[in-house]
Protein backbone atom coordinates (compact mmCIF):
# COMPACT_ATOMS: atom_id res chain seq x y z
CA UNK A 1 -7.26 -8.93 1.63
CA UNK A 2 -10.92 -8.62 2.46
CA UNK A 3 -12.15 -10.88 4.88
CA UNK A 4 -15.82 -12.27 4.72
CA UNK A 5 -17.87 -13.49 7.65
CA UNK A 6 -21.19 -15.57 7.31
CA UNK A 7 -23.64 -15.40 10.28
CA UNK A 8 -26.91 -17.41 11.48
CA UNK A 9 -28.50 -19.63 8.77
CA UNK A 10 -26.07 -18.42 6.04
CA UNK A 11 -23.19 -19.90 8.07
CA UNK A 12 -25.40 -23.17 8.42
CA UNK A 13 -26.20 -23.26 4.77
CA UNK A 14 -22.85 -22.51 3.21
CA UNK A 15 -21.00 -24.66 5.96
CA UNK A 16 -18.35 -21.64 6.30
CA UNK A 17 -17.66 -19.13 9.15
CA UNK A 18 -15.94 -17.13 6.84
CA UNK A 19 -13.17 -16.65 4.15
CA UNK A 20 -10.58 -14.25 2.67
CA UNK A 21 -10.41 -12.57 -0.82
CA UNK A 22 -7.20 -11.18 -2.13
CA UNK A 23 -7.49 -7.51 -2.56
CA UNK A 24 -8.04 -6.30 -6.45
CA UNK A 25 -9.28 -3.40 -8.14
CA UNK A 26 -12.83 -5.34 -8.91
CA UNK A 27 -13.75 -5.01 -5.31
CA UNK A 28 -15.04 -1.53 -4.92
CA UNK A 29 -18.15 -2.08 -3.33
CA UNK A 30 -19.39 -4.60 -0.74
CA UNK A 31 -21.71 -5.69 -3.53
CA UNK A 32 -18.78 -6.77 -5.93
CA UNK A 33 -17.82 -9.37 -3.23
CA UNK A 34 -21.64 -10.56 -3.04
CA UNK A 35 -21.65 -10.75 -6.81
CA UNK A 36 -18.73 -13.06 -6.90
CA UNK A 37 -20.17 -15.19 -4.38
CA UNK A 38 -23.50 -15.52 -6.30
CA UNK A 39 -21.47 -16.46 -9.33
CA UNK A 40 -20.59 -19.65 -7.67
CA UNK A 41 -23.99 -20.97 -8.12
CA UNK A 42 -25.93 -23.46 -6.08
CA UNK A 43 -26.48 -22.56 -2.39
CA UNK A 44 -24.63 -19.23 -2.84
CA UNK A 45 -28.03 -17.71 -4.36
CA UNK A 46 -29.09 -17.46 -0.85
CA UNK A 47 -27.05 -14.35 -0.69
CA UNK A 48 -29.27 -12.86 -3.33
CA UNK A 49 -32.03 -12.79 -0.90
CA UNK A 50 -34.06 -9.60 -0.36
CA UNK A 51 -33.53 -9.64 3.47
CA UNK A 52 -29.82 -9.87 3.20
CA UNK A 53 -28.29 -7.62 5.78
CA UNK A 54 -24.53 -6.77 5.66
CA UNK A 55 -21.80 -4.73 7.67
CA UNK A 56 -18.50 -3.46 6.91
CA UNK A 57 -15.97 -3.25 9.86
CA UNK A 58 -18.80 -4.32 12.31
CA UNK A 59 -21.01 -1.50 11.23
CA UNK A 60 -24.33 -1.96 9.31
CA UNK A 61 -24.35 -0.74 5.87
CA UNK A 62 -25.78 -0.90 2.30
CA UNK A 63 -24.54 -3.08 -0.59
CA UNK A 64 -23.38 0.12 -2.21
CA UNK A 65 -20.74 0.59 0.62
CA UNK A 66 -16.92 1.31 -0.70
CA UNK A 67 -14.57 -1.20 0.42
CA UNK A 68 -10.75 -0.72 1.16
CA UNK A 69 -8.02 -3.36 1.42
CA UNK A 70 -8.24 -4.93 4.79
CA UNK A 71 -11.61 -4.57 5.33
CA UNK A 72 -14.00 -7.13 7.18
CA UNK A 73 -17.53 -7.64 5.85
CA UNK A 74 -20.39 -9.76 7.16
CA UNK A 75 -23.48 -11.07 5.46
CA UNK A 76 -26.49 -12.25 7.56
CA UNK A 77 -30.19 -12.66 7.22
CA UNK A 78 -32.75 -10.24 8.65
CA UNK A 79 -33.73 -11.07 12.23
CA UNK A 80 -37.20 -11.13 13.40
CA UNK A 81 -38.50 -11.85 16.84
CA UNK A 82 -41.70 -12.05 18.58
């Protein structure tokens, strides 16, 4: 099982805190999960933004991060301050 969390404006736009995916061989990298979400179309296109940030098991990572069954991943927008 892969647990996916959405934060900040992604959570607001999607209307979801998170969801789970059954583990399968097609989920080798974090980007594989993102691509499945993007394929849903519509509002899910926001996960294709250039400023998308992600984490695996609560550590920042890149989209090419390998996944394992039981991982928790998170997607969140870049946060800017001023």
